Amino acid sequence: MLAKVPDFRFKNLTYFIQTPDKVAAEYQVEALVVATGKTYRQTYAGVLVAANGKVKLLHETLDTLAASQAFSKD
């Protein structure tokens, strides 16, 4: 992903749950897709659950249409 979108960085994090073993948040990215010259604008929502220092569950959602449009050359 970083090869295609070098400036990919999450921003505007909003935490809904933040404990030592769980986090649920919404976060955004806005960065140029080098191959298409388009801006990738995306809002993600994610849940991460850990146990014994390891990721037990990672669930992430995103707008696949926004991703398709940004990475498509047409």
C-alpha atoms as a PDB file:
ATOM      1  CA  MET A   1       0.000   0.000   0.000  1.00  0.00           C
ATOM      2  CA  LEU A   2       2.780   2.443   0.865  1.00  0.00           C
ATOM      3  CA  ALA A   3       4.383   1.866  -2.549  1.00  0.00           C
ATOM      4  CA  LYS A   4       1.132   2.942  -4.241  1.00  0.00           C
ATOM      5  CA  VAL A   5       0.205   5.653  -1.716  1.00  0.00           C
ATOM      6  CA  PRO A   6       3.446   6.889  -0.108  1.00  0.00           C
ATOM      7  CA  ASP A   7       1.718   9.558   2.015  1.00  0.00           C
ATOM      8  CA  PHE A   8      -0.817   7.089   3.473  1.00  0.00           C
ATOM      9  CA  ARG A   9      -1.260   8.104   7.122  1.00  0.00           C
ATOM     10  CA  PHE A  10      -4.236   7.757   9.423  1.00  0.00           C
ATOM     11  CA  LYS A  11      -5.612  11.001  10.846  1.00  0.00           C
ATOM     12  CA  ASN A  12      -8.638  12.259  12.771  1.00  0.00           C
ATOM     13  CA  LEU A  13      -8.786   9.271  15.087  1.00  0.00           C
ATOM     14  CA  THR A  14     -11.944   9.047  17.172  1.00  0.00           C
ATOM     15  CA  TYR A  15     -11.851   6.380  19.870  1.00  0.00           C
ATOM     16  CA  PHE A  16     -15.093   4.764  20.998  1.00  0.00           C
ATOM     17  CA  ILE A  17     -13.450   2.134  23.228  1.00  0.00           C
ATOM     18  CA  GLN A  18      -9.860   2.252  24.442  1.00  0.00           C
ATOM     19  CA  THR A  19      -8.794  -0.272  27.081  1.00  0.00           C
ATOM     20  CA  PRO A  20      -5.567  -2.279  27.494  1.00  0.00           C
ATOM     21  CA  ASP A  21      -7.028  -5.176  25.459  1.00  0.00           C
ATOM     22  CA  LYS A  22      -9.658  -3.520  23.213  1.00  0.00           C
ATOM     23  CA  VAL A  23      -9.909  -0.551  20.919  1.00  0.00           C
ATOM     24  CA  ALA A  24     -12.699   0.586  18.623  1.00  0.00           C
ATOM     25  CA  ALA A  25     -12.138   3.682  16.539  1.00  0.00           C
ATOM     26  CA  GLU A  26     -12.897   5.599  13.388  1.00  0.00           C
ATOM     27  CA  TYR A  27     -10.021   7.059  11.370  1.00  0.00           C
ATOM     28  CA  GLN A  28      -9.422   8.688   8.010  1.00  0.00           C
ATOM     29  CA  VAL A  29      -6.844   8.909   5.271  1.00  0.00           C
ATOM     30  CA  GLU A  30      -6.447  11.390   2.423  1.00  0.00           C
ATOM     31  CA  ALA A  31      -3.459  10.820   0.158  1.00  0.00           C
ATOM     32  CA  LEU A  32      -2.413  10.781  -3.485  1.00  0.00           C
ATOM     33  CA  VAL A  33      -2.456   7.481  -5.404  1.00  0.00           C
ATOM     34  CA  VAL A  34       0.697   7.806  -7.491  1.00  0.00           C
ATOM     35  CA  ALA A  35      -0.393   5.565 -10.392  1.00  0.00           C
ATOM     36  CA  THR A  36      -3.717   7.336 -10.990  1.00  0.00           C
ATOM     37  CA  GLY A  37      -3.029  10.872  -9.787  1.00  0.00           C
ATOM     38  CA  LYS A  38      -6.265  10.668  -7.770  1.00  0.00           C
ATOM     39  CA  THR A  39      -6.734  11.404  -4.095  1.00  0.00           C
ATOM     40  CA  TYR A  40      -7.691   8.440  -1.925  1.00  0.00           C
ATOM     41  CA  ARG A  41     -10.216   9.693   0.637  1.00  0.00           C
ATOM     42  CA  GLN A  42     -11.376   7.066   3.051  1.00  0.00           C
ATOM     43  CA  THR A  43     -12.991   6.704   6.443  1.00  0.00           C
ATOM     44  CA  TYR A  44     -12.271   3.457   8.239  1.00  0.00           C
ATOM     45  CA  ALA A  45     -13.844   1.954  11.336  1.00  0.00           C
ATOM     46  CA  GLY A  46     -11.972  -0.717  13.217  1.00  0.00           C
ATOM     47  CA  VAL A  47     -12.094  -2.977  16.247  1.00  0.00           C
ATOM     48  CA  LEU A  48      -9.029  -4.680  17.688  1.00  0.00           C
ATOM     49  CA  VAL A  49      -9.096  -7.186  20.552  1.00  0.00           C
ATOM     50  CA  ALA A  50      -5.880  -8.508  22.078  1.00  0.00           C
ATOM     51  CA  ALA A  51      -5.150 -11.331  24.486  1.00  0.00           C
ATOM     52  CA  ASN A  52      -1.794 -12.136  26.075  1.00  0.00           C
ATOM     53  CA  GLY A  53      -0.071  -9.483  23.990  1.00  0.00           C
ATOM     54  CA  LYS A  54      -1.316 -10.880  20.658  1.00  0.00           C
ATOM     55  CA  VAL A  55      -4.033  -9.746  18.297  1.00  0.00           C
ATOM     56  CA  LYS A  56      -7.052 -11.987  18.807  1.00  0.00           C
ATOM     57  CA  LEU A  57      -9.451 -10.112  16.493  1.00  0.00           C
ATOM     58  CA  LEU A  58      -9.060  -7.330  13.962  1.00  0.00           C
ATOM     59  CA  HIS A  59     -12.136  -6.145  12.101  1.00  0.00           C
ATOM     60  CA  GLU A  60     -11.988  -3.161   9.792  1.00  0.00           C
ATOM     61  CA  THR A  61     -14.558  -1.598   7.478  1.00  0.00           C
ATOM     62  CA  LEU A  62     -14.134   0.858   4.626  1.00  0.00           C
ATOM     63  CA  ASP A  63     -15.943   2.240   1.605  1.00  0.00           C
ATOM     64  CA  THR A  64     -14.860  -0.104  -1.194  1.00  0.00           C
ATOM     65  CA  LEU A  65     -16.355   2.190  -3.868  1.00  0.00           C
ATOM     66  CA  ALA A  66     -14.135   5.080  -2.738  1.00  0.00           C
ATOM     67  CA  ALA A  67     -11.114   2.775  -2.862  1.00  0.00           C
ATOM     68  CA  SER A  68     -12.040   1.465  -6.323  1.00  0.00           C
ATOM     69  CA  GLN A  69     -12.485   4.968  -7.722  1.00  0.00           C
ATOM     70  CA  ALA A  70      -9.168   6.228  -6.344  1.00  0.00           C
ATOM     71  CA  PHE A  71      -7.154   3.235  -7.592  1.00  0.00           C
ATOM     72  CA  SER A  72      -8.891   2.912 -10.982  1.00  0.00           C
ATOM     73  CA  LYS A  73      -7.234   4.542 -13.986  1.00  0.00           C
ATOM     74  CA  ASP A  74     -10.528   5.216 -15.772  1.00  0.00           C
END
